[in-house]
N, C-alpha and C. Protein backbone atom coordinates (compact mmCIF):
# COMPACT_ATOMS: atom_id res chain seq x y z
N MET A 1 30.89 -29.70 -68.32
CA MET A 1 30.50 -28.64 -67.60
C MET A 1 30.68 -27.38 -68.21
N THR A 2 29.63 -26.52 -68.30
CA THR A 2 29.19 -25.71 -68.95
C THR A 2 30.34 -24.04 -67.88
N PRO A 3 30.65 -23.23 -68.30
CA PRO A 3 31.72 -21.86 -67.90
C PRO A 3 30.51 -21.42 -66.48
N ASP A 4 29.66 -21.18 -66.90
CA ASP A 4 28.63 -21.07 -66.04
C ASP A 4 28.93 -21.88 -64.23
N GLU A 5 28.17 -23.29 -64.76
CA GLU A 5 28.48 -24.23 -63.65
C GLU A 5 29.87 -24.22 -63.05
N LEU A 6 31.12 -24.38 -62.99
CA LEU A 6 32.28 -24.04 -63.19
C LEU A 6 32.96 -22.90 -62.50
N LYS A 7 32.06 -21.70 -63.21
CA LYS A 7 32.55 -20.34 -61.85
C LYS A 7 31.34 -20.57 -60.83
N LYS A 8 30.17 -20.45 -60.70
CA LYS A 8 29.50 -21.25 -59.53
C LYS A 8 30.04 -22.30 -58.75
N MET A 9 31.02 -23.44 -59.20
CA MET A 9 31.70 -24.27 -58.49
C MET A 9 32.68 -23.61 -57.46
N ARG A 10 33.61 -22.46 -58.62
CA ARG A 10 34.18 -22.33 -57.90
C ARG A 10 34.50 -21.19 -56.73
N GLU A 11 33.00 -19.92 -57.09
CA GLU A 11 32.93 -19.26 -56.04
C GLU A 11 32.63 -19.76 -54.56
N GLU A 12 32.11 -21.08 -54.50
CA GLU A 12 32.47 -21.44 -53.33
C GLU A 12 33.83 -22.09 -52.65
N SER A 13 34.18 -21.70 -51.84
CA SER A 13 35.71 -21.45 -51.35
C SER A 13 35.61 -23.16 -51.40
N PHE A 14 37.21 -23.49 -51.32
CA PHE A 14 37.81 -24.72 -50.83
C PHE A 14 37.06 -25.63 -49.54
N VAL A 15 37.52 -24.61 -48.58
CA VAL A 15 37.31 -24.84 -47.00
C VAL A 15 35.85 -25.07 -47.10
N SER A 16 34.95 -24.20 -47.69
CA SER A 16 33.36 -24.47 -47.03
C SER A 16 32.91 -25.92 -47.49
N LYS A 17 33.27 -25.96 -49.16
CA LYS A 17 33.44 -27.35 -49.71
C LYS A 17 33.55 -28.39 -48.99
N ALA A 18 35.14 -27.94 -48.47
CA ALA A 18 35.81 -29.41 -47.45
C ALA A 18 34.72 -30.04 -46.25
N LYS A 19 34.20 -28.73 -45.52
CA LYS A 19 33.65 -28.71 -44.77
C LYS A 19 32.08 -29.04 -44.60
N ARG A 20 32.04 -28.68 -45.84
CA ARG A 20 30.08 -29.50 -46.30
C ARG A 20 30.23 -31.17 -46.63
N MET A 21 31.40 -31.66 -47.03
CA MET A 21 31.86 -32.57 -47.62
C MET A 21 31.89 -33.78 -46.45
N SER A 22 32.51 -33.37 -45.38
CA SER A 22 32.72 -34.26 -44.40
C SER A 22 31.68 -34.28 -43.25
N LYS A 23 30.80 -33.29 -43.21
CA LYS A 23 29.79 -33.64 -42.98
C LYS A 23 28.27 -34.88 -43.40
N THR A 24 28.66 -34.94 -45.16
CA THR A 24 27.87 -36.01 -45.55
C THR A 24 27.82 -37.37 -44.88
N LYS A 25 27.10 -38.00 -44.92
CA LYS A 25 26.65 -38.97 -44.48
C LYS A 25 27.66 -40.60 -45.13
N VAL A 26 28.30 -39.56 -46.07
CA VAL A 26 28.96 -40.99 -46.64
C VAL A 26 30.29 -41.75 -46.14
N ASN A 27 30.19 -42.68 -46.30
CA ASN A 27 30.97 -43.76 -45.51
C ASN A 27 32.63 -43.67 -46.10
N TRP A 28 33.47 -42.45 -45.85
CA TRP A 28 34.69 -42.14 -46.40
C TRP A 28 35.63 -43.65 -45.72
N SER A 29 36.45 -44.11 -46.94
CA SER A 29 37.66 -44.64 -46.01
C SER A 29 38.69 -43.71 -45.00
N PRO A 30 38.67 -44.19 -44.29
CA PRO A 30 39.78 -43.73 -42.86
C PRO A 30 40.99 -43.47 -43.81
N VAL A 31 41.90 -44.03 -44.48
CA VAL A 31 43.11 -42.92 -44.93
C VAL A 31 42.82 -41.53 -45.80
N PHE A 32 41.10 -41.52 -46.63
CA PHE A 32 40.84 -40.39 -47.16
C PHE A 32 40.47 -39.30 -46.31
N LYS A 33 39.74 -39.92 -45.08
CA LYS A 33 39.22 -38.58 -44.02
C LYS A 33 40.32 -38.56 -43.88
N LYS A 34 41.39 -39.17 -42.87
CA LYS A 34 42.33 -38.56 -42.89
C LYS A 34 43.25 -37.70 -43.43
N TYR A 35 43.14 -37.50 -44.82
CA TYR A 35 43.91 -36.66 -45.79
C TYR A 35 43.35 -35.43 -46.08
N PHE A 36 41.89 -35.52 -45.85
CA PHE A 36 40.69 -34.74 -46.62
C PHE A 36 40.74 -33.40 -45.05
N ASN A 37 40.98 -34.39 -43.86
CA ASN A 37 40.95 -33.25 -42.47
C ASN A 37 41.93 -32.72 -42.48
N ASN A 38 43.55 -33.00 -43.12
CA ASN A 38 44.49 -32.52 -42.74
C ASN A 38 44.28 -31.69 -43.82
N ILE A 39 43.79 -31.37 -45.05
CA ILE A 39 43.26 -30.68 -45.80
C ILE A 39 42.97 -29.20 -45.28
N ILE A 40 41.90 -29.41 -44.32
CA ILE A 40 40.81 -28.70 -44.01
C ILE A 40 41.66 -27.94 -43.32
N GLU A 41 42.51 -28.56 -42.06
CA GLU A 41 42.87 -27.92 -41.02
C GLU A 41 44.32 -27.01 -41.62
N ARG A 42 44.98 -27.00 -42.68
CA ARG A 42 45.75 -26.50 -43.36
C ARG A 42 45.61 -25.09 -44.08
N TYR A 43 44.22 -25.12 -44.36
CA TYR A 43 43.18 -23.97 -45.06
C TYR A 43 42.12 -23.72 -44.40
N MET A 44 42.43 -23.29 -43.29
CA MET A 44 41.08 -22.46 -42.72
C MET A 44 40.68 -21.46 -42.95
N PRO A 45 39.55 -21.08 -42.99
CA PRO A 45 39.06 -19.45 -43.61
C PRO A 45 39.92 -18.54 -42.90
N SER A 46 40.47 -18.29 -41.31
CA SER A 46 41.24 -17.20 -41.76
C SER A 46 42.57 -17.30 -42.00
N GLU A 47 43.18 -18.21 -43.07
CA GLU A 47 44.30 -18.08 -43.97
C GLU A 47 44.41 -17.30 -45.02
N ILE A 48 42.92 -17.27 -45.39
CA ILE A 48 42.87 -17.65 -47.03
C ILE A 48 42.33 -15.69 -46.65
N VAL A 49 43.25 -15.49 -47.28
CA VAL A 49 43.03 -13.95 -47.52
C VAL A 49 42.09 -13.23 -48.37
N LYS A 50 42.15 -13.41 -49.72
CA LYS A 50 41.27 -13.65 -50.79
C LYS A 50 41.21 -14.57 -52.06
N GLN A 51 39.80 -15.15 -52.13
CA GLN A 51 39.90 -16.27 -53.25
C GLN A 51 38.72 -15.90 -54.28
N GLU A 52 38.89 -14.95 -55.40
CA GLU A 52 37.86 -15.14 -55.86
C GLU A 52 37.75 -15.50 -57.78
N TYR A 53 36.42 -15.12 -58.35
CA TYR A 53 36.94 -15.20 -59.55
C TYR A 53 36.62 -14.04 -60.35
N VAL A 54 37.57 -13.85 -61.18
CA VAL A 54 37.86 -12.39 -62.02
C VAL A 54 37.97 -12.67 -63.66
N GLY A 55 37.32 -12.09 -64.80
CA GLY A 55 37.16 -11.77 -65.61
C GLY A 55 36.39 -13.18 -65.85
N LYS A 56 36.34 -13.81 -67.37
CA LYS A 56 35.44 -14.74 -67.32
C LYS A 56 35.58 -16.12 -67.43
N THR A 57 36.98 -16.93 -66.58
CA THR A 57 37.44 -17.88 -66.73
C THR A 57 38.56 -17.75 -65.66
N HIS A 58 39.09 -17.02 -65.04
CA HIS A 58 40.43 -17.15 -63.86
C HIS A 58 39.65 -17.48 -62.37
N TRP A 59 40.56 -17.81 -61.33
CA TRP A 59 39.98 -18.17 -60.65
C TRP A 59 41.83 -17.43 -59.54
N VAL A 60 41.92 -16.26 -59.06
CA VAL A 60 42.53 -16.20 -58.01
C VAL A 60 42.64 -16.09 -56.48
N SER A 61 43.55 -16.82 -55.98
CA SER A 61 43.86 -17.49 -54.67
C SER A 61 45.10 -16.69 -53.97
N THR A 62 44.66 -16.04 -52.85
CA THR A 62 45.92 -15.67 -52.18
C THR A 62 45.69 -15.97 -50.83
N VAL A 63 46.62 -16.76 -49.69
CA VAL A 63 46.19 -17.33 -48.92
C VAL A 63 47.84 -17.61 -48.38
N LYS A 64 47.72 -17.55 -46.50
CA LYS A 64 48.50 -17.61 -46.05
C LYS A 64 49.05 -18.93 -45.36
N LEU A 65 50.18 -19.37 -46.07
CA LEU A 65 51.09 -20.49 -46.15
C LEU A 65 51.26 -21.14 -44.89
N PRO A 66 50.60 -22.38 -45.05
CA PRO A 66 51.05 -23.07 -43.02
C PRO A 66 52.53 -22.63 -42.58
N SER A 67 51.90 -23.33 -41.45
CA SER A 67 53.71 -22.96 -41.02
C SER A 67 54.54 -24.20 -40.66
N ALA A 68 54.28 -25.24 -41.87
CA ALA A 68 55.36 -26.21 -42.59
C ALA A 68 55.99 -25.42 -43.29
N TYR A 69 56.13 -24.20 -44.33
CA TYR A 69 57.03 -23.14 -45.07
C TYR A 69 57.80 -22.39 -44.28
N ASP A 70 57.58 -22.38 -43.02
CA ASP A 70 58.22 -21.62 -42.21
C ASP A 70 59.85 -22.03 -42.22
N GLY A 71 60.70 -20.89 -42.08
CA GLY A 71 62.01 -21.16 -42.39
C GLY A 71 62.64 -21.51 -43.45
N LEU A 72 61.98 -21.65 -44.82
CA LEU A 72 62.10 -21.98 -45.79
C LEU A 72 62.55 -20.72 -46.81
N ASN A 73 61.79 -19.06 -45.97
CA ASN A 73 62.47 -18.39 -46.45
C ASN A 73 61.35 -18.11 -48.36
N LEU A 74 60.48 -18.64 -48.17
CA LEU A 74 59.21 -18.66 -48.98
C LEU A 74 58.71 -17.66 -49.16
N GLY A 75 58.39 -17.18 -48.40
CA GLY A 75 57.11 -15.88 -47.77
C GLY A 75 56.26 -16.24 -47.11
N LYS A 76 55.59 -15.92 -46.10
CA LYS A 76 54.45 -16.43 -46.02
C LYS A 76 53.18 -16.03 -46.49
N TYR A 77 52.82 -15.36 -47.73
CA TYR A 77 51.63 -15.65 -48.06
C TYR A 77 52.23 -16.40 -49.58
N GLU A 78 50.64 -16.45 -50.24
CA GLU A 78 51.17 -16.50 -51.55
C GLU A 78 49.99 -16.36 -52.18
N THR A 79 49.81 -16.05 -53.87
CA THR A 79 48.84 -15.63 -54.76
C THR A 79 49.63 -16.26 -56.23
N VAL A 80 48.18 -17.48 -56.39
CA VAL A 80 48.48 -18.43 -57.92
C VAL A 80 46.59 -17.56 -58.54
N ILE A 81 47.10 -18.26 -59.64
CA ILE A 81 46.08 -18.04 -60.55
C ILE A 81 46.19 -19.54 -61.24
N GLN A 82 44.41 -19.89 -61.51
CA GLN A 82 43.96 -20.93 -62.30
C GLN A 82 42.90 -20.71 -63.14
N GLY A 83 43.33 -21.45 -64.03
CA GLY A 83 42.19 -21.32 -65.73
C GLY A 83 40.99 -22.03 -64.96
N TYR A 84 40.10 -21.60 -66.16
CA TYR A 84 39.27 -22.02 -65.88
C TYR A 84 38.90 -23.67 -65.98
N LYS A 85 40.08 -24.26 -66.59
CA LYS A 85 40.16 -26.48 -66.68
C LYS A 85 40.97 -26.75 -65.71
N GLY A 86 40.64 -25.67 -64.67
CA GLY A 86 41.73 -26.16 -63.41
C GLY A 86 43.58 -26.09 -63.58
N GLU A 87 44.08 -25.61 -64.54
CA GLU A 87 45.66 -25.64 -64.82
C GLU A 87 45.91 -24.13 -64.08
N TRP A 88 47.01 -23.97 -63.45
CA TRP A 88 47.83 -23.37 -62.85
C TRP A 88 48.69 -22.64 -64.02
N LEU A 89 48.15 -21.61 -63.73
CA LEU A 89 49.24 -20.46 -65.17
C LEU A 89 50.56 -20.45 -64.28
N ASP A 90 51.39 -20.29 -65.05
CA ASP A 90 52.77 -19.77 -64.41
C ASP A 90 52.72 -18.61 -63.67
N TYR A 91 51.87 -18.34 -62.46
CA TYR A 91 52.33 -17.15 -62.27
C TYR A 91 51.69 -17.06 -60.73
N THR A 92 52.77 -17.12 -59.46
CA THR A 92 52.89 -17.47 -58.58
C THR A 92 53.76 -16.19 -57.81
N LYS A 93 52.98 -15.67 -56.57
CA LYS A 93 53.60 -14.49 -56.24
C LYS A 93 53.81 -14.45 -54.34
N ARG A 94 54.76 -14.34 -54.27
CA ARG A 94 54.74 -14.50 -51.89
C ARG A 94 55.60 -13.34 -51.40
N CYS A 95 55.19 -13.43 -50.48
CA CYS A 95 55.85 -12.26 -49.98
C CYS A 95 55.33 -12.46 -48.30
N GLU A 96 55.82 -10.83 -47.08
CA GLU A 96 56.09 -11.50 -46.05
C GLU A 96 54.78 -11.24 -44.88
N THR A 97 54.60 -9.79 -45.76
CA THR A 97 53.18 -9.23 -45.28
C THR A 97 51.52 -9.56 -45.56
N LEU A 98 50.68 -9.38 -44.83
CA LEU A 98 49.65 -9.31 -45.20
C LEU A 98 48.93 -8.39 -46.05
N ASP A 99 49.74 -6.87 -45.43
CA ASP A 99 49.47 -5.71 -46.93
C ASP A 99 50.10 -6.06 -48.30
N GLU A 100 51.21 -6.53 -48.23
CA GLU A 100 51.95 -7.30 -49.87
C GLU A 100 51.05 -8.34 -50.21
N ALA A 101 50.21 -9.44 -49.65
CA ALA A 101 49.80 -10.01 -50.20
C ALA A 101 48.32 -9.49 -50.82
N ARG A 102 47.77 -8.47 -50.24
CA ARG A 102 46.80 -7.88 -50.77
C ARG A 102 46.93 -6.93 -52.00
N ASP A 103 48.12 -6.46 -52.04
CA ASP A 103 48.78 -5.83 -53.42
C ASP A 103 48.92 -6.42 -54.24
N ASN A 104 49.51 -7.91 -54.10
CA ASN A 104 49.98 -8.87 -54.95
C ASN A 104 48.34 -9.60 -55.16
N HIS A 105 47.84 -9.67 -54.57
CA HIS A 105 45.98 -10.19 -55.30
C HIS A 105 45.60 -9.27 -56.22
N GLU A 106 45.86 -8.26 -55.71
CA GLU A 106 45.12 -6.72 -56.97
C GLU A 106 45.86 -6.80 -57.93
N GLU A 107 47.40 -7.52 -58.10
CA GLU A 107 48.07 -6.92 -58.65
C GLU A 107 47.98 -8.43 -59.99
N ALA A 108 47.57 -9.83 -59.80
CA ALA A 108 47.17 -11.08 -60.02
C ALA A 108 45.75 -10.68 -61.07
N LYS A 109 44.99 -9.61 -60.37
CA LYS A 109 43.45 -9.68 -60.80
C LYS A 109 43.84 -9.06 -61.81
N LEU A 110 44.65 -7.59 -62.17
CA LEU A 110 45.16 -6.99 -63.48
C LEU A 110 45.54 -7.66 -64.63
N TYR A 111 46.61 -8.99 -63.94
CA TYR A 111 47.14 -9.84 -65.12
C TYR A 111 46.24 -10.10 -65.56
N VAL A 112 45.28 -11.31 -64.77
CA VAL A 112 44.48 -11.89 -65.57
C VAL A 112 43.44 -11.11 -66.65
N LEU A 113 43.06 -9.79 -65.85
CA LEU A 113 42.11 -8.96 -66.83
C LEU A 113 42.76 -8.27 -67.90
N ASN A 114 44.37 -8.33 -68.15
CA ASN A 114 45.01 -7.84 -69.44
C ASN A 114 45.19 -9.32 -70.18
N LEU A 115 45.46 -10.81 -69.72
CA LEU A 115 45.52 -11.67 -70.55
C LEU A 115 43.90 -12.07 -70.86
N GLU A 116 42.94 -11.92 -70.98
CA GLU A 116 42.12 -11.56 -71.36
C GLU A 116 41.63 -11.14 -72.23
N ARG A 117 41.98 -10.05 -72.15
CA ARG A 117 41.82 -8.77 -72.92
C ARG A 117 42.83 -8.84 -74.49
N THR A 118 43.87 -9.41 -74.08
CA THR A 118 45.08 -9.71 -75.37
C THR A 118 44.48 -11.12 -76.26
N ASN A 119 43.63 -11.96 -75.42
CA ASN A 119 42.95 -13.27 -76.05
C ASN A 119 42.18 -12.67 -76.56
N ASP A 120 41.21 -11.74 -76.44
CA ASP A 120 39.80 -11.86 -77.24
C ASP A 120 40.31 -11.36 -79.01
């Protein structure tokens, strides 16, 4: 898969992929279908703060965590970065408010751009 193909694939959000795939005429096994629907329910579009491709090869995602994380004092929002091979960078920021989540997303974008600049 070329970097351009990978970029195009990642630009389509996970949820829209999941919804599109769930409408196909494929005969999914009941176990997989149940698992797949649970993923769709966990990350509805209203829970995605922002997801975007940054720089040449990185995906920055900021989401509202599901209610299963309530009471664990981990924060309500999470920002993570994924590399072009699908690996997760050692970068995770969690926070309590939507404004902080948006700020963390912007910080993650700057982190990626600086990382790519130093690797060039």
